Amino acid sequence: MENYEQKLGIKLWAEEDRPREKLLLHGRRHLTDAELIAILIGSGSKNETAVDLSKRILSFYDNSLTKLGKLLFWIFPGLEVLEKPKH
């Protein structure tokens, strides 16, 4: 028997489980880090949902938003304007 796993795209998930809808209904505190990143990514691929991709990215960076954030500031230097102002 073939080892075949079909990915269920986010559009086919129950509406209350989809990251964007969950954000609108309940706010950001009800989303996982992977779901928040998935919203930023926007979409996945035929083989991987945006949430799965986000989980893979987070895993690569030891599930550390700090490490991922530092990488993003290094790749996109203009993002430092988003940093909290120093008092």
N, C-alpha and C. Protein backbone atom coordinates (compact mmCIF):
# COMPACT_ATOMS: atom_id res chain seq x y z
N MET A 1 0.84 -1.18 0.00
CA MET A 1 0.00 0.00 0.00
C MET A 1 0.89 1.25 0.00
N GLU A 2 0.52 2.21 -0.79
CA GLU A 2 1.29 3.44 -0.89
C GLU A 2 1.15 4.28 0.37
N ASN A 3 2.24 4.89 0.79
CA ASN A 3 2.20 5.81 1.92
C ASN A 3 1.82 7.18 1.36
N TYR A 4 0.54 7.51 1.39
CA TYR A 4 0.05 8.73 0.77
C TYR A 4 -0.69 9.58 1.79
N GLU A 5 -0.23 10.79 1.94
CA GLU A 5 -0.89 11.71 2.87
C GLU A 5 -1.37 12.91 2.07
N GLN A 6 -2.66 13.13 2.08
CA GLN A 6 -3.21 14.27 1.38
C GLN A 6 -3.38 15.42 2.37
N LYS A 7 -2.83 16.56 2.03
CA LYS A 7 -2.93 17.73 2.89
C LYS A 7 -4.28 18.40 2.66
N LEU A 8 -4.94 18.73 3.74
CA LEU A 8 -6.20 19.44 3.68
C LEU A 8 -5.88 20.93 3.76
N GLY A 9 -6.09 21.64 2.67
CA GLY A 9 -5.78 23.07 2.63
C GLY A 9 -6.58 23.84 3.67
N ILE A 10 -6.03 24.95 4.10
CA ILE A 10 -6.66 25.77 5.13
C ILE A 10 -8.07 26.19 4.72
N LYS A 11 -8.28 26.44 3.44
CA LYS A 11 -9.62 26.83 2.97
C LYS A 11 -10.67 25.76 3.23
N LEU A 12 -10.22 24.52 3.42
CA LEU A 12 -11.14 23.41 3.69
C LEU A 12 -11.30 23.14 5.19
N TRP A 13 -10.57 23.86 6.03
CA TRP A 13 -10.70 23.71 7.48
C TRP A 13 -12.02 24.32 7.92
N ALA A 14 -12.49 23.94 9.08
CA ALA A 14 -13.66 24.59 9.68
C ALA A 14 -13.33 26.08 9.82
N GLU A 15 -14.29 26.92 9.54
CA GLU A 15 -14.03 28.36 9.52
C GLU A 15 -13.43 28.86 10.84
N GLU A 16 -13.90 28.36 11.97
CA GLU A 16 -13.39 28.83 13.26
C GLU A 16 -11.96 28.35 13.56
N ASP A 17 -11.44 27.44 12.73
CA ASP A 17 -10.07 26.95 12.91
C ASP A 17 -9.07 27.64 11.99
N ARG A 18 -9.54 28.37 11.01
CA ARG A 18 -8.64 29.05 10.08
C ARG A 18 -7.97 30.24 10.77
N PRO A 19 -6.67 30.40 10.60
CA PRO A 19 -5.95 31.47 11.31
C PRO A 19 -6.54 32.87 11.15
N ARG A 20 -6.84 33.30 9.94
CA ARG A 20 -7.36 34.67 9.76
C ARG A 20 -8.71 34.85 10.45
N GLU A 21 -9.59 33.88 10.26
CA GLU A 21 -10.91 33.97 10.86
C GLU A 21 -10.84 33.90 12.38
N LYS A 22 -9.93 33.05 12.88
CA LYS A 22 -9.71 32.93 14.31
C LYS A 22 -9.23 34.26 14.89
N LEU A 23 -8.34 34.91 14.17
CA LEU A 23 -7.82 36.22 14.59
C LEU A 23 -8.96 37.24 14.67
N LEU A 24 -9.79 37.27 13.65
CA LEU A 24 -10.90 38.23 13.63
C LEU A 24 -11.95 37.93 14.70
N LEU A 25 -12.21 36.66 14.94
CA LEU A 25 -13.23 36.27 15.91
C LEU A 25 -12.76 36.40 17.36
N HIS A 26 -11.52 36.03 17.63
CA HIS A 26 -11.07 35.91 19.01
C HIS A 26 -9.87 36.78 19.38
N GLY A 27 -9.19 37.36 18.41
CA GLY A 27 -8.01 38.17 18.69
C GLY A 27 -6.73 37.35 18.65
N ARG A 28 -5.61 38.04 18.65
CA ARG A 28 -4.31 37.40 18.46
C ARG A 28 -3.91 36.47 19.59
N ARG A 29 -4.43 36.68 20.76
CA ARG A 29 -4.03 35.85 21.91
C ARG A 29 -4.53 34.41 21.79
N HIS A 30 -5.47 34.16 20.89
CA HIS A 30 -6.00 32.81 20.71
C HIS A 30 -5.29 32.05 19.59
N LEU A 31 -4.27 32.67 18.99
CA LEU A 31 -3.53 32.02 17.92
C LEU A 31 -2.16 31.56 18.40
N THR A 32 -1.69 30.48 17.81
CA THR A 32 -0.33 30.03 18.09
C THR A 32 0.64 30.91 17.31
N ASP A 33 1.91 30.83 17.67
CA ASP A 33 2.93 31.56 16.92
C ASP A 33 2.91 31.14 15.46
N ALA A 34 2.75 29.84 15.21
CA ALA A 34 2.73 29.33 13.83
C ALA A 34 1.55 29.91 13.06
N GLU A 35 0.40 30.04 13.71
CA GLU A 35 -0.77 30.60 13.02
C GLU A 35 -0.56 32.08 12.69
N LEU A 36 0.06 32.82 13.61
CA LEU A 36 0.34 34.24 13.34
C LEU A 36 1.32 34.40 12.18
N ILE A 37 2.36 33.58 12.17
CA ILE A 37 3.33 33.62 11.07
C ILE A 37 2.66 33.20 9.77
N ALA A 38 1.77 32.22 9.83
CA ALA A 38 1.07 31.76 8.63
C ALA A 38 0.26 32.90 8.00
N ILE A 39 -0.33 33.74 8.84
CA ILE A 39 -1.08 34.89 8.32
C ILE A 39 -0.13 35.83 7.58
N LEU A 40 1.06 36.03 8.13
CA LEU A 40 2.05 36.89 7.46
C LEU A 40 2.55 36.27 6.16
N ILE A 41 2.74 34.96 6.16
CA ILE A 41 3.21 34.27 4.96
C ILE A 41 2.14 34.34 3.86
N GLY A 42 0.89 34.17 4.27
CA GLY A 42 -0.20 34.32 3.31
C GLY A 42 -0.72 33.04 2.71
N SER A 43 0.16 32.17 2.27
CA SER A 43 -0.31 30.91 1.68
C SER A 43 0.81 29.88 1.71
N GLY A 44 0.40 28.64 1.59
CA GLY A 44 1.36 27.55 1.56
C GLY A 44 1.56 27.09 0.13
N SER A 45 1.70 25.79 -0.02
CA SER A 45 1.89 25.21 -1.34
C SER A 45 0.95 24.01 -1.47
N LYS A 46 1.07 23.33 -2.58
CA LYS A 46 0.26 22.14 -2.83
C LYS A 46 0.52 21.07 -1.77
N ASN A 47 1.73 21.02 -1.27
CA ASN A 47 2.13 19.97 -0.34
C ASN A 47 2.17 20.40 1.12
N GLU A 48 2.01 21.69 1.37
CA GLU A 48 2.21 22.19 2.74
C GLU A 48 1.37 23.43 2.97
N THR A 49 0.59 23.44 4.05
CA THR A 49 -0.20 24.63 4.37
C THR A 49 0.73 25.72 4.91
N ALA A 50 0.23 26.93 4.95
CA ALA A 50 1.01 28.03 5.52
C ALA A 50 1.32 27.76 6.99
N VAL A 51 0.40 27.11 7.70
CA VAL A 51 0.63 26.78 9.11
C VAL A 51 1.74 25.74 9.22
N ASP A 52 1.72 24.73 8.36
CA ASP A 52 2.79 23.71 8.38
C ASP A 52 4.14 24.34 8.06
N LEU A 53 4.17 25.22 7.08
CA LEU A 53 5.41 25.92 6.73
C LEU A 53 5.91 26.75 7.91
N SER A 54 4.99 27.43 8.56
CA SER A 54 5.35 28.24 9.73
C SER A 54 5.92 27.38 10.85
N LYS A 55 5.32 26.22 11.07
CA LYS A 55 5.83 25.30 12.10
C LYS A 55 7.24 24.84 11.75
N ARG A 56 7.45 24.58 10.47
CA ARG A 56 8.78 24.12 10.02
C ARG A 56 9.82 25.23 10.21
N ILE A 57 9.45 26.46 9.87
CA ILE A 57 10.36 27.60 10.05
C ILE A 57 10.68 27.78 11.52
N LEU A 58 9.65 27.77 12.37
CA LEU A 58 9.87 27.92 13.81
C LEU A 58 10.76 26.81 14.36
N SER A 59 10.51 25.59 13.92
CA SER A 59 11.30 24.45 14.37
C SER A 59 12.78 24.64 14.01
N PHE A 60 13.03 25.14 12.80
CA PHE A 60 14.40 25.38 12.35
C PHE A 60 15.12 26.37 13.27
N TYR A 61 14.37 27.31 13.82
CA TYR A 61 14.93 28.32 14.72
C TYR A 61 14.63 28.00 16.17
N ASP A 62 14.58 26.70 16.49
CA ASP A 62 14.40 26.21 17.86
C ASP A 62 13.13 26.76 18.52
N ASN A 63 12.10 26.98 17.71
CA ASN A 63 10.82 27.52 18.19
C ASN A 63 10.99 28.84 18.93
N SER A 64 11.97 29.61 18.52
CA SER A 64 12.28 30.88 19.16
C SER A 64 11.89 32.05 18.24
N LEU A 65 10.89 32.80 18.66
CA LEU A 65 10.53 33.99 17.90
C LEU A 65 11.64 35.03 17.95
N THR A 66 12.41 35.03 19.03
CA THR A 66 13.54 35.96 19.16
C THR A 66 14.57 35.69 18.08
N LYS A 67 14.95 34.41 17.89
CA LYS A 67 15.92 34.07 16.85
C LYS A 67 15.37 34.39 15.47
N LEU A 68 14.12 34.06 15.23
CA LEU A 68 13.51 34.34 13.93
C LEU A 68 13.43 35.85 13.70
N GLY A 69 13.08 36.59 14.72
CA GLY A 69 12.99 38.05 14.61
C GLY A 69 14.33 38.68 14.28
N LYS A 70 15.39 38.20 14.92
CA LYS A 70 16.73 38.73 14.64
C LYS A 70 17.12 38.46 13.19
N LEU A 71 16.76 37.31 12.69
CA LEU A 71 17.04 36.98 11.30
C LEU A 71 16.31 37.94 10.37
N LEU A 72 15.05 38.21 10.67
CA LEU A 72 14.26 39.10 9.81
C LEU A 72 14.84 40.50 9.78
N PHE A 73 15.32 41.00 10.93
CA PHE A 73 15.94 42.33 10.96
C PHE A 73 17.24 42.34 10.17
N TRP A 74 17.93 41.21 10.13
CA TRP A 74 19.17 41.10 9.36
C TRP A 74 18.86 41.07 7.87
N ILE A 75 17.82 40.34 7.47
CA ILE A 75 17.46 40.23 6.05
C ILE A 75 16.82 41.51 5.53
N PHE A 76 15.97 42.12 6.36
CA PHE A 76 15.25 43.33 5.96
C PHE A 76 15.66 44.48 6.88
N PRO A 77 16.79 45.12 6.61
CA PRO A 77 17.30 46.15 7.52
C PRO A 77 16.32 47.28 7.79
N GLY A 78 15.43 47.58 6.87
CA GLY A 78 14.48 48.67 7.08
C GLY A 78 13.47 48.40 8.17
N LEU A 79 13.41 47.18 8.67
CA LEU A 79 12.44 46.85 9.71
C LEU A 79 12.78 47.46 11.06
N GLU A 80 14.00 47.93 11.24
CA GLU A 80 14.34 48.48 12.55
C GLU A 80 13.46 49.67 12.92
N VAL A 81 12.81 50.29 11.95
CA VAL A 81 11.89 51.39 12.28
C VAL A 81 10.68 50.87 13.06
N LEU A 82 10.46 49.57 13.06
CA LEU A 82 9.35 48.98 13.79
C LEU A 82 9.72 48.67 15.24
N GLU A 83 11.00 48.84 15.59
CA GLU A 83 11.42 48.55 16.95
C GLU A 83 10.81 49.57 17.93
N LYS A 84 10.65 49.15 19.16
CA LYS A 84 10.11 50.00 20.20
C LYS A 84 11.07 51.18 20.43
N PRO A 85 10.55 52.39 20.47
CA PRO A 85 11.40 53.56 20.72
C PRO A 85 12.10 53.46 22.07
N LYS A 86 13.36 53.92 22.12
CA LYS A 86 14.12 53.90 23.36
C LYS A 86 13.85 55.19 24.13
N HIS A 87 13.65 55.06 25.42
CA HIS A 87 13.36 56.23 26.26
C HIS A 87 14.61 56.83 26.83
